[in-house]
Amino acid sequence: MNMKKILLPIILLLLLMFQSCTTKKEMLYLQDLDSYANSNLNYVSTKIQPNDILKIDVGDINPLVAAPFNISAGTTGGQTSVEMMKLTGYLVTPQGNITMPILNEIKVGGLTPANAELKIKERLISEGYLVNPTVQVRVLNNKFTILGEVNSPGVIPFSEESISLLDAIGLAKDLTYSAVRKDIKLIREVDGKRLVYHVDLTTASWMSNPNFRIRQNDVIVVEPNKLKANSGGLIKDPIQVLGITASLLAVVLLIAQ
C-alpha cells in the first residue's frame, strides 16, 4: 500500500481545518478595553411599548384616598406574586393606551416610565382627585430573546429597566466556541420601526453607545462561524474535528503497516 497516497489527502484535510479554526484574536472579548477606561457612561431611558404590562402605584398621605386608583394583586404565602401582578397589571394597547380606575384612558406609549408617572400625577392633581400624590410606574414583563450560538438560548426575563449586552450574554450562559463575536446582531422595535445594530464584541468601542443596552423585547442573534455552519451542526467545534481526524489518521497508519 502506497503511504504517500494515503497520507497526502489526510494532511491536506488537516491543513484545511487548521485554516478554518477560530483564531485567538477572534475569540477574546474587549481586546482594547484599556483604551476605554474611565470613559463616560451614557444611559437612555427606555420607552413604554405596546404589549408592555405596567404596575402603577398611586400613593397619598391618606392611603384611603389613593386606594381607588390602585389595583390589588393576589398574594402567595403572604407575598405578592409577580405572575399575579402581570395578570392584574395594565396592558398597553397597540395604540399605546391604558385604562386606569376613575381616570379612564391615558396614553403612555412612547413615554418613559418617569414621564408616565408625571402625566398621571398631573391628571390626579388637575382633576381634583389628590393634592400631593406619588406615582410609581414599572414595566413588569421586561424580557429579551437570544438565539444562535449561546449555551442557553431562549426568552429571558429581567427586572431592571435595561441591562448591558454583556449581562444578556451572561444570562444566556456565554457564547459557544463557534460563535462569531465580531458581528452580534441586535434587533429592536422603536416607535413602530425595526432597527438592527451590529456589535463587535472583540472591541470595547460599543460600550459607550447607550443604544447597545438591552431593552424590553430586544432580540439578539449570534451567528455560527464558517466551520460550524459548513458542518451543518454535526460537528460541534474545531477541537472535535481534530480529534476525529487524529483517530482516523491512527487507523490509517495501523492499516498501512
C-alpha atoms as a PDB file:
ATOM      1  CA  MET A   1       0.000   0.000   0.000  1.00  0.00           C
ATOM      2  CA  ASN A   2       1.371   3.449  -1.014  1.00  0.00           C
ATOM      3  CA  MET A   3       1.699   5.527   2.174  1.00  0.00           C
ATOM      4  CA  LYS A   4       2.009   8.804   0.243  1.00  0.00           C
ATOM      5  CA  LYS A   5      -1.321   8.291  -1.487  1.00  0.00           C
ATOM      6  CA  ILE A   6      -2.986   7.640   1.853  1.00  0.00           C
ATOM      7  CA  LEU A   7      -1.357  10.388   3.901  1.00  0.00           C
ATOM      8  CA  LEU A   8      -1.493  13.209   1.321  1.00  0.00           C
ATOM      9  CA  PRO A   9      -5.301  13.763   1.416  1.00  0.00           C
ATOM     10  CA  ILE A  10      -5.289  13.484   5.207  1.00  0.00           C
ATOM     11  CA  ILE A  11      -2.558  16.121   5.537  1.00  0.00           C
ATOM     12  CA  LEU A  12      -4.454  18.410   3.169  1.00  0.00           C
ATOM     13  CA  LEU A  13      -7.594  17.934   5.243  1.00  0.00           C
ATOM     14  CA  LEU A  14      -5.720  18.803   8.418  1.00  0.00           C
ATOM     15  CA  LEU A  15      -4.289  21.961   6.849  1.00  0.00           C
ATOM     16  CA  LEU A  16      -7.748  22.979   5.696  1.00  0.00           C
ATOM     17  CA  MET A  17      -9.175  22.514   9.168  1.00  0.00           C
ATOM     18  CA  PHE A  18      -6.377  24.485  10.810  1.00  0.00           C
ATOM     19  CA  GLN A  19      -7.128  27.348   8.440  1.00  0.00           C
ATOM     20  CA  SER A  20     -10.795  27.150   9.377  1.00  0.00           C
ATOM     21  CA  CYS A  21     -10.153  27.120  13.116  1.00  0.00           C
ATOM     22  CA  THR A  22     -11.075  30.214  15.097  1.00  0.00           C
ATOM     23  CA  THR A  23      -8.063  32.325  15.986  1.00  0.00           C
ATOM     24  CA  LYS A  24      -7.374  33.774  19.409  1.00  0.00           C
ATOM     25  CA  LYS A  25      -7.981  37.290  18.062  1.00  0.00           C
ATOM     26  CA  GLU A  26     -11.489  36.262  17.010  1.00  0.00           C
ATOM     27  CA  MET A  27     -12.261  34.671  20.390  1.00  0.00           C
ATOM     28  CA  LEU A  28     -11.277  37.261  23.016  1.00  0.00           C
ATOM     29  CA  TYR A  29     -13.760  39.861  24.230  1.00  0.00           C
ATOM     30  CA  LEU A  30     -12.958  43.587  24.546  1.00  0.00           C
ATOM     31  CA  GLN A  31      -9.355  43.318  23.403  1.00  0.00           C
ATOM     32  CA  ASP A  32      -8.812  47.102  23.578  1.00  0.00           C
ATOM     33  CA  LEU A  33     -10.637  47.597  26.868  1.00  0.00           C
ATOM     34  CA  ASP A  34      -7.822  49.617  28.473  1.00  0.00           C
ATOM     35  CA  SER A  35      -8.230  52.278  25.790  1.00  0.00           C
ATOM     36  CA  TYR A  36     -11.757  52.964  27.024  1.00  0.00           C
ATOM     37  CA  ALA A  37     -11.044  53.000  30.759  1.00  0.00           C
ATOM     38  CA  ASN A  38     -12.584  55.959  32.648  1.00  0.00           C
ATOM     39  CA  SER A  39     -14.871  56.776  29.705  1.00  0.00           C
ATOM     40  CA  ASN A  40     -18.220  58.404  30.465  1.00  0.00           C
ATOM     41  CA  LEU A  41     -21.325  56.270  30.814  1.00  0.00           C
ATOM     42  CA  ASN A  42     -24.443  57.283  28.889  1.00  0.00           C
ATOM     43  CA  TYR A  43     -27.896  55.973  29.699  1.00  0.00           C
ATOM     44  CA  VAL A  44     -31.107  56.397  27.713  1.00  0.00           C
ATOM     45  CA  SER A  45     -34.397  55.715  29.479  1.00  0.00           C
ATOM     46  CA  THR A  46     -36.489  53.118  27.691  1.00  0.00           C
ATOM     47  CA  LYS A  47     -39.952  53.965  26.416  1.00  0.00           C
ATOM     48  CA  ILE A  48     -43.196  52.173  27.116  1.00  0.00           C
ATOM     49  CA  GLN A  49     -44.277  50.000  24.177  1.00  0.00           C
ATOM     50  CA  PRO A  50     -47.480  48.229  23.126  1.00  0.00           C
ATOM     51  CA  ASN A  51     -47.979  44.922  24.995  1.00  0.00           C
ATOM     52  CA  ASP A  52     -45.967  46.144  27.978  1.00  0.00           C
ATOM     53  CA  ILE A  53     -47.585  45.272  31.297  1.00  0.00           C
ATOM     54  CA  LEU A  54     -47.357  48.117  33.794  1.00  0.00           C
ATOM     55  CA  LYS A  55     -47.568  48.157  37.566  1.00  0.00           C
ATOM     56  CA  ILE A  56     -48.825  51.569  38.673  1.00  0.00           C
ATOM     57  CA  ASP A  57     -48.879  52.505  42.357  1.00  0.00           C
ATOM     58  CA  VAL A  58     -50.608  55.704  43.453  1.00  0.00           C
ATOM     59  CA  GLY A  59     -49.909  56.966  46.963  1.00  0.00           C
ATOM     60  CA  ASP A  60     -51.060  59.788  49.210  1.00  0.00           C
ATOM     61  CA  ILE A  61     -50.661  60.924  52.793  1.00  0.00           C
ATOM     62  CA  ASN A  62     -54.074  59.390  53.331  1.00  0.00           C
ATOM     63  CA  PRO A  63     -53.902  55.864  51.826  1.00  0.00           C
ATOM     64  CA  LEU A  64     -57.688  55.573  51.777  1.00  0.00           C
ATOM     65  CA  VAL A  65     -57.930  58.489  49.341  1.00  0.00           C
ATOM     66  CA  ALA A  66     -55.416  56.869  46.952  1.00  0.00           C
ATOM     67  CA  ALA A  67     -56.868  53.346  47.225  1.00  0.00           C
ATOM     68  CA  PRO A  68     -59.472  53.717  44.403  1.00  0.00           C
ATOM     69  CA  PHE A  69     -56.641  54.366  41.912  1.00  0.00           C
ATOM     70  CA  ASN A  70     -54.778  51.141  42.730  1.00  0.00           C
ATOM     71  CA  ILE A  71     -55.366  47.586  41.558  1.00  0.00           C
ATOM     72  CA  SER A  72     -54.757  44.956  44.220  1.00  0.00           C
ATOM     73  CA  ALA A  73     -52.827  41.856  43.157  1.00  0.00           C
ATOM     74  CA  GLY A  74     -53.202  38.408  44.651  1.00  0.00           C
ATOM     75  CA  THR A  75     -50.745  37.125  47.224  1.00  0.00           C
ATOM     76  CA  THR A  76     -48.879  33.854  47.561  1.00  0.00           C
ATOM     77  CA  GLY A  77     -47.767  32.911  51.055  1.00  0.00           C
ATOM     78  CA  GLY A  78     -48.219  36.468  52.242  1.00  0.00           C
ATOM     79  CA  GLN A  79     -46.183  37.898  49.359  1.00  0.00           C
ATOM     80  CA  THR A  80     -47.444  39.421  46.146  1.00  0.00           C
ATOM     81  CA  SER A  81     -46.978  37.094  43.168  1.00  0.00           C
ATOM     82  CA  VAL A  82     -45.175  38.631  40.179  1.00  0.00           C
ATOM     83  CA  GLU A  83     -47.234  36.490  37.809  1.00  0.00           C
ATOM     84  CA  MET A  84     -50.424  37.677  39.518  1.00  0.00           C
ATOM     85  CA  MET A  85     -49.252  41.278  39.161  1.00  0.00           C
ATOM     86  CA  LYS A  86     -48.787  40.658  35.435  1.00  0.00           C
ATOM     87  CA  LEU A  87     -52.328  39.311  35.165  1.00  0.00           C
ATOM     88  CA  THR A  88     -53.777  42.298  37.015  1.00  0.00           C
ATOM     89  CA  GLY A  89     -51.410  44.931  35.623  1.00  0.00           C
ATOM     90  CA  TYR A  90     -52.157  47.497  32.965  1.00  0.00           C
ATOM     91  CA  LEU A  91     -51.667  46.099  29.451  1.00  0.00           C
ATOM     92  CA  VAL A  92     -50.609  48.777  26.969  1.00  0.00           C
ATOM     93  CA  THR A  93     -52.776  48.619  23.849  1.00  0.00           C
ATOM     94  CA  PRO A  94     -51.386  48.770  20.284  1.00  0.00           C
ATOM     95  CA  GLN A  95     -52.381  52.452  20.363  1.00  0.00           C
ATOM     96  CA  GLY A  96     -50.244  52.987  23.491  1.00  0.00           C
ATOM     97  CA  ASN A  97     -53.129  53.445  25.941  1.00  0.00           C
ATOM     98  CA  ILE A  98     -54.019  52.066  29.365  1.00  0.00           C
ATOM     99  CA  THR A  99     -57.268  52.381  31.300  1.00  0.00           C
ATOM    100  CA  MET A 100     -56.979  53.346  34.978  1.00  0.00           C
ATOM    101  CA  PRO A 101     -59.761  53.425  37.557  1.00  0.00           C
ATOM    102  CA  ILE A 102     -61.596  56.790  37.595  1.00  0.00           C
ATOM    103  CA  LEU A 103     -59.034  58.437  35.270  1.00  0.00           C
ATOM    104  CA  ASN A 104     -60.088  56.114  32.433  1.00  0.00           C
ATOM    105  CA  GLU A 105     -57.932  56.142  29.274  1.00  0.00           C
ATOM    106  CA  ILE A 106     -54.392  57.517  29.436  1.00  0.00           C
ATOM    107  CA  LYS A 107     -51.866  57.452  26.596  1.00  0.00           C
ATOM    108  CA  VAL A 108     -48.486  56.277  27.904  1.00  0.00           C
ATOM    109  CA  GLY A 109     -46.986  54.642  24.807  1.00  0.00           C
ATOM    110  CA  GLY A 110     -43.772  56.343  23.749  1.00  0.00           C
ATOM    111  CA  LEU A 111     -43.232  57.826  27.219  1.00  0.00           C
ATOM    112  CA  THR A 112     -40.516  56.791  29.630  1.00  0.00           C
ATOM    113  CA  PRO A 113     -41.815  55.365  32.924  1.00  0.00           C
ATOM    114  CA  ALA A 114     -40.744  58.622  34.631  1.00  0.00           C
ATOM    115  CA  ASN A 115     -42.721  60.712  32.143  1.00  0.00           C
ATOM    116  CA  ALA A 116     -45.728  58.420  32.535  1.00  0.00           C
ATOM    117  CA  GLU A 117     -45.546  58.949  36.299  1.00  0.00           C
ATOM    118  CA  LEU A 118     -45.547  62.706  35.793  1.00  0.00           C
ATOM    119  CA  LYS A 119     -48.509  62.587  33.369  1.00  0.00           C
ATOM    120  CA  ILE A 120     -50.651  60.501  35.749  1.00  0.00           C
ATOM    121  CA  LYS A 121     -49.702  62.703  38.693  1.00  0.00           C
ATOM    122  CA  GLU A 122     -50.663  65.868  36.806  1.00  0.00           C
ATOM    123  CA  ARG A 123     -54.075  64.426  35.945  1.00  0.00           C
ATOM    124  CA  LEU A 124     -54.722  63.391  39.536  1.00  0.00           C
ATOM    125  CA  ILE A 125     -53.983  66.945  40.673  1.00  0.00           C
ATOM    126  CA  SER A 126     -55.585  68.907  37.810  1.00  0.00           C
ATOM    127  CA  GLU A 127     -58.839  66.928  38.008  1.00  0.00           C
ATOM    128  CA  GLY A 128     -59.042  67.479  41.760  1.00  0.00           C
ATOM    129  CA  TYR A 129     -58.699  63.893  42.961  1.00  0.00           C
ATOM    130  CA  LEU A 130     -55.493  64.224  45.011  1.00  0.00           C
ATOM    131  CA  VAL A 131     -53.479  67.180  46.273  1.00  0.00           C
ATOM    132  CA  ASN A 132     -49.934  65.831  46.502  1.00  0.00           C
ATOM    133  CA  PRO A 133     -49.895  62.249  45.152  1.00  0.00           C
ATOM    134  CA  THR A 134     -46.956  59.951  44.497  1.00  0.00           C
ATOM    135  CA  VAL A 135     -46.970  57.750  41.395  1.00  0.00           C
ATOM    136  CA  GLN A 136     -44.664  54.862  40.532  1.00  0.00           C
ATOM    137  CA  VAL A 137     -44.711  53.125  37.127  1.00  0.00           C
ATOM    138  CA  ARG A 138     -42.768  49.942  36.388  1.00  0.00           C
ATOM    139  CA  VAL A 139     -42.739  47.532  33.447  1.00  0.00           C
ATOM    140  CA  LEU A 140     -43.395  44.008  34.751  1.00  0.00           C
ATOM    141  CA  ASN A 141     -42.695  41.917  31.665  1.00  0.00           C
ATOM    142  CA  ASN A 142     -39.179  43.032  30.680  1.00  0.00           C
ATOM    143  CA  LYS A 143     -37.600  40.297  28.580  1.00  0.00           C
ATOM    144  CA  PHE A 144     -35.226  39.742  25.688  1.00  0.00           C
ATOM    145  CA  THR A 145     -34.746  36.887  23.230  1.00  0.00           C
ATOM    146  CA  ILE A 146     -31.303  35.480  22.429  1.00  0.00           C
ATOM    147  CA  LEU A 147     -30.819  32.939  19.636  1.00  0.00           C
ATOM    148  CA  GLY A 148     -27.973  31.096  17.944  1.00  0.00           C
ATOM    149  CA  GLU A 149     -24.540  30.297  19.312  1.00  0.00           C
ATOM    150  CA  VAL A 150     -25.107  30.708  23.043  1.00  0.00           C
ATOM    151  CA  ASN A 151     -25.149  27.977  25.652  1.00  0.00           C
ATOM    152  CA  SER A 152     -28.694  28.726  26.815  1.00  0.00           C
ATOM    153  CA  PRO A 153     -30.811  30.360  24.083  1.00  0.00           C
ATOM    154  CA  GLY A 154     -34.386  31.428  24.678  1.00  0.00           C
ATOM    155  CA  VAL A 155     -36.571  34.186  26.085  1.00  0.00           C
ATOM    156  CA  ILE A 156     -35.020  35.587  29.273  1.00  0.00           C
ATOM    157  CA  PRO A 157     -36.798  37.943  31.718  1.00  0.00           C
ATOM    158  CA  PHE A 158     -35.066  40.738  33.630  1.00  0.00           C
ATOM    159  CA  SER A 159     -36.320  43.159  36.288  1.00  0.00           C
ATOM    160  CA  GLU A 160     -34.148  46.211  35.553  1.00  0.00           C
ATOM    161  CA  GLU A 161     -35.188  48.971  33.145  1.00  0.00           C
ATOM    162  CA  SER A 162     -32.286  47.949  30.915  1.00  0.00           C
ATOM    163  CA  ILE A 163     -29.225  45.714  31.139  1.00  0.00           C
ATOM    164  CA  SER A 164     -25.907  45.646  29.306  1.00  0.00           C
ATOM    165  CA  LEU A 165     -25.264  43.392  26.324  1.00  0.00           C
ATOM    166  CA  LEU A 166     -22.648  41.552  28.389  1.00  0.00           C
ATOM    167  CA  ASP A 167     -25.267  40.987  31.114  1.00  0.00           C
ATOM    168  CA  ALA A 168     -27.583  39.470  28.485  1.00  0.00           C
ATOM    169  CA  ILE A 169     -24.854  37.139  27.215  1.00  0.00           C
ATOM    170  CA  GLY A 170     -24.064  36.150  30.793  1.00  0.00           C
ATOM    171  CA  LEU A 171     -27.721  35.289  31.422  1.00  0.00           C
ATOM    172  CA  ALA A 172     -27.536  33.049  28.334  1.00  0.00           C
ATOM    173  CA  LYS A 173     -24.507  31.226  29.840  1.00  0.00           C
ATOM    174  CA  ASP A 174     -21.981  32.863  27.462  1.00  0.00           C
ATOM    175  CA  LEU A 175     -21.317  32.386  23.751  1.00  0.00           C
ATOM    176  CA  THR A 176     -20.283  28.995  22.405  1.00  0.00           C
ATOM    177  CA  TYR A 177     -16.833  28.302  20.996  1.00  0.00           C
ATOM    178  CA  SER A 178     -18.293  28.500  17.490  1.00  0.00           C
ATOM    179  CA  ALA A 179     -19.923  31.940  17.877  1.00  0.00           C
ATOM    180  CA  VAL A 180     -18.955  34.845  15.625  1.00  0.00           C
ATOM    181  CA  ARG A 181     -18.005  37.534  18.135  1.00  0.00           C
ATOM    182  CA  LYS A 182     -17.325  40.244  15.568  1.00  0.00           C
ATOM    183  CA  ASP A 183     -20.935  40.595  14.401  1.00  0.00           C
ATOM    184  CA  ILE A 184     -23.586  40.184  17.096  1.00  0.00           C
ATOM    185  CA  LYS A 185     -26.968  41.310  15.731  1.00  0.00           C
ATOM    186  CA  LEU A 186     -29.268  43.323  17.989  1.00  0.00           C
ATOM    187  CA  ILE A 187     -32.845  43.760  16.722  1.00  0.00           C
ATOM    188  CA  ARG A 188     -35.085  46.384  18.345  1.00  0.00           C
ATOM    189  CA  GLU A 189     -38.504  47.902  17.679  1.00  0.00           C
ATOM    190  CA  VAL A 190     -38.762  51.667  18.325  1.00  0.00           C
ATOM    191  CA  ASP A 191     -41.783  53.842  17.513  1.00  0.00           C
ATOM    192  CA  GLY A 192     -43.155  51.296  15.066  1.00  0.00           C
ATOM    193  CA  LYS A 193     -39.833  50.785  13.267  1.00  0.00           C
ATOM    194  CA  ARG A 194     -37.461  47.819  13.372  1.00  0.00           C
ATOM    195  CA  LEU A 195     -33.821  48.746  13.944  1.00  0.00           C
ATOM    196  CA  VAL A 196     -30.843  46.414  13.501  1.00  0.00           C
ATOM    197  CA  TYR A 197     -27.480  47.076  15.174  1.00  0.00           C
ATOM    198  CA  HIS A 198     -24.237  45.177  14.618  1.00  0.00           C
ATOM    199  CA  VAL A 199     -21.892  44.793  17.592  1.00  0.00           C
ATOM    200  CA  ASP A 200     -18.238  43.692  17.543  1.00  0.00           C
ATOM    201  CA  LEU A 201     -17.551  42.131  20.948  1.00  0.00           C
ATOM    202  CA  THR A 202     -13.809  41.889  20.304  1.00  0.00           C
ATOM    203  CA  THR A 203     -13.550  45.665  20.820  1.00  0.00           C
ATOM    204  CA  ALA A 204     -14.825  47.832  23.677  1.00  0.00           C
ATOM    205  CA  SER A 205     -15.822  50.778  21.468  1.00  0.00           C
ATOM    206  CA  TRP A 206     -19.530  49.831  21.534  1.00  0.00           C
ATOM    207  CA  MET A 207     -19.717  50.080  25.340  1.00  0.00           C
ATOM    208  CA  SER A 208     -20.047  53.882  25.239  1.00  0.00           C
ATOM    209  CA  ASN A 209     -23.092  53.688  22.945  1.00  0.00           C
ATOM    210  CA  PRO A 210     -26.332  53.734  25.008  1.00  0.00           C
ATOM    211  CA  ASN A 211     -28.210  52.025  22.149  1.00  0.00           C
ATOM    212  CA  PHE A 212     -26.377  48.809  22.978  1.00  0.00           C
ATOM    213  CA  ARG A 213     -28.023  48.455  26.386  1.00  0.00           C
ATOM    214  CA  ILE A 214     -30.641  45.704  26.206  1.00  0.00           C
ATOM    215  CA  ARG A 215     -34.234  46.877  26.471  1.00  0.00           C
ATOM    216  CA  GLN A 216     -37.663  45.300  26.620  1.00  0.00           C
ATOM    217  CA  ASN A 217     -38.392  42.930  23.689  1.00  0.00           C
ATOM    218  CA  ASP A 218     -34.896  43.130  22.152  1.00  0.00           C
ATOM    219  CA  VAL A 219     -33.722  40.166  20.071  1.00  0.00           C
ATOM    220  CA  ILE A 220     -30.046  39.130  19.990  1.00  0.00           C
ATOM    221  CA  VAL A 221     -28.832  36.827  17.212  1.00  0.00           C
ATOM    222  CA  VAL A 222     -25.416  35.139  17.397  1.00  0.00           C
ATOM    223  CA  GLU A 223     -24.252  33.562  14.131  1.00  0.00           C
ATOM    224  CA  PRO A 224     -22.046  30.432  13.906  1.00  0.00           C
ATOM    225  CA  ASN A 225     -18.584  30.636  12.384  1.00  0.00           C
ATOM    226  CA  LYS A 226     -17.925  29.149   8.934  1.00  0.00           C
ATOM    227  CA  LEU A 227     -16.696  25.804  10.227  1.00  0.00           C
ATOM    228  CA  LYS A 228     -19.823  25.269  12.338  1.00  0.00           C
ATOM    229  CA  ALA A 229     -22.111  26.497   9.556  1.00  0.00           C
ATOM    230  CA  ASN A 230     -20.496  24.258   6.944  1.00  0.00           C
ATOM    231  CA  SER A 231     -20.689  21.234   9.216  1.00  0.00           C
ATOM    232  CA  GLY A 232     -24.468  21.593   9.453  1.00  0.00           C
ATOM    233  CA  GLY A 233     -24.288  21.247  13.216  1.00  0.00           C
ATOM    234  CA  LEU A 234     -22.919  17.700  13.076  1.00  0.00           C
ATOM    235  CA  ILE A 235     -19.530  18.745  14.402  1.00  0.00           C
ATOM    236  CA  LYS A 236     -19.598  20.917  17.475  1.00  0.00           C
ATOM    237  CA  ASP A 237     -16.235  22.678  17.290  1.00  0.00           C
ATOM    238  CA  PRO A 238     -12.747  22.530  15.692  1.00  0.00           C
ATOM    239  CA  ILE A 239     -11.288  20.562  18.600  1.00  0.00           C
ATOM    240  CA  GLN A 240     -13.801  17.798  17.960  1.00  0.00           C
ATOM    241  CA  VAL A 241     -12.897  17.859  14.252  1.00  0.00           C
ATOM    242  CA  LEU A 242      -9.197  17.499  15.038  1.00  0.00           C
ATOM    243  CA  GLY A 243      -9.911  14.660  17.465  1.00  0.00           C
ATOM    244  CA  ILE A 244     -11.895  12.737  14.850  1.00  0.00           C
ATOM    245  CA  THR A 245      -9.221  13.339  12.216  1.00  0.00           C
ATOM    246  CA  ALA A 246      -6.435  12.197  14.530  1.00  0.00           C
ATOM    247  CA  SER A 247      -8.339   8.985  15.237  1.00  0.00           C
ATOM    248  CA  LEU A 248      -8.810   8.334  11.521  1.00  0.00           C
ATOM    249  CA  LEU A 249      -5.125   9.009  10.893  1.00  0.00           C
ATOM    250  CA  ALA A 250      -4.151   6.499  13.574  1.00  0.00           C
ATOM    251  CA  VAL A 251      -6.388   3.852  11.976  1.00  0.00           C
ATOM    252  CA  VAL A 252      -4.895   4.514   8.535  1.00  0.00           C
ATOM    253  CA  LEU A 253      -1.344   4.199   9.877  1.00  0.00           C
ATOM    254  CA  LEU A 254      -2.203   0.889  11.531  1.00  0.00           C
ATOM    255  CA  ILE A 255      -3.675  -0.422   8.268  1.00  0.00           C
ATOM    256  CA  ALA A 256      -0.683   0.794   6.286  1.00  0.00           C
ATOM    257  CA  GLN A 257       1.812  -1.121   8.445  1.00  0.00           C
END
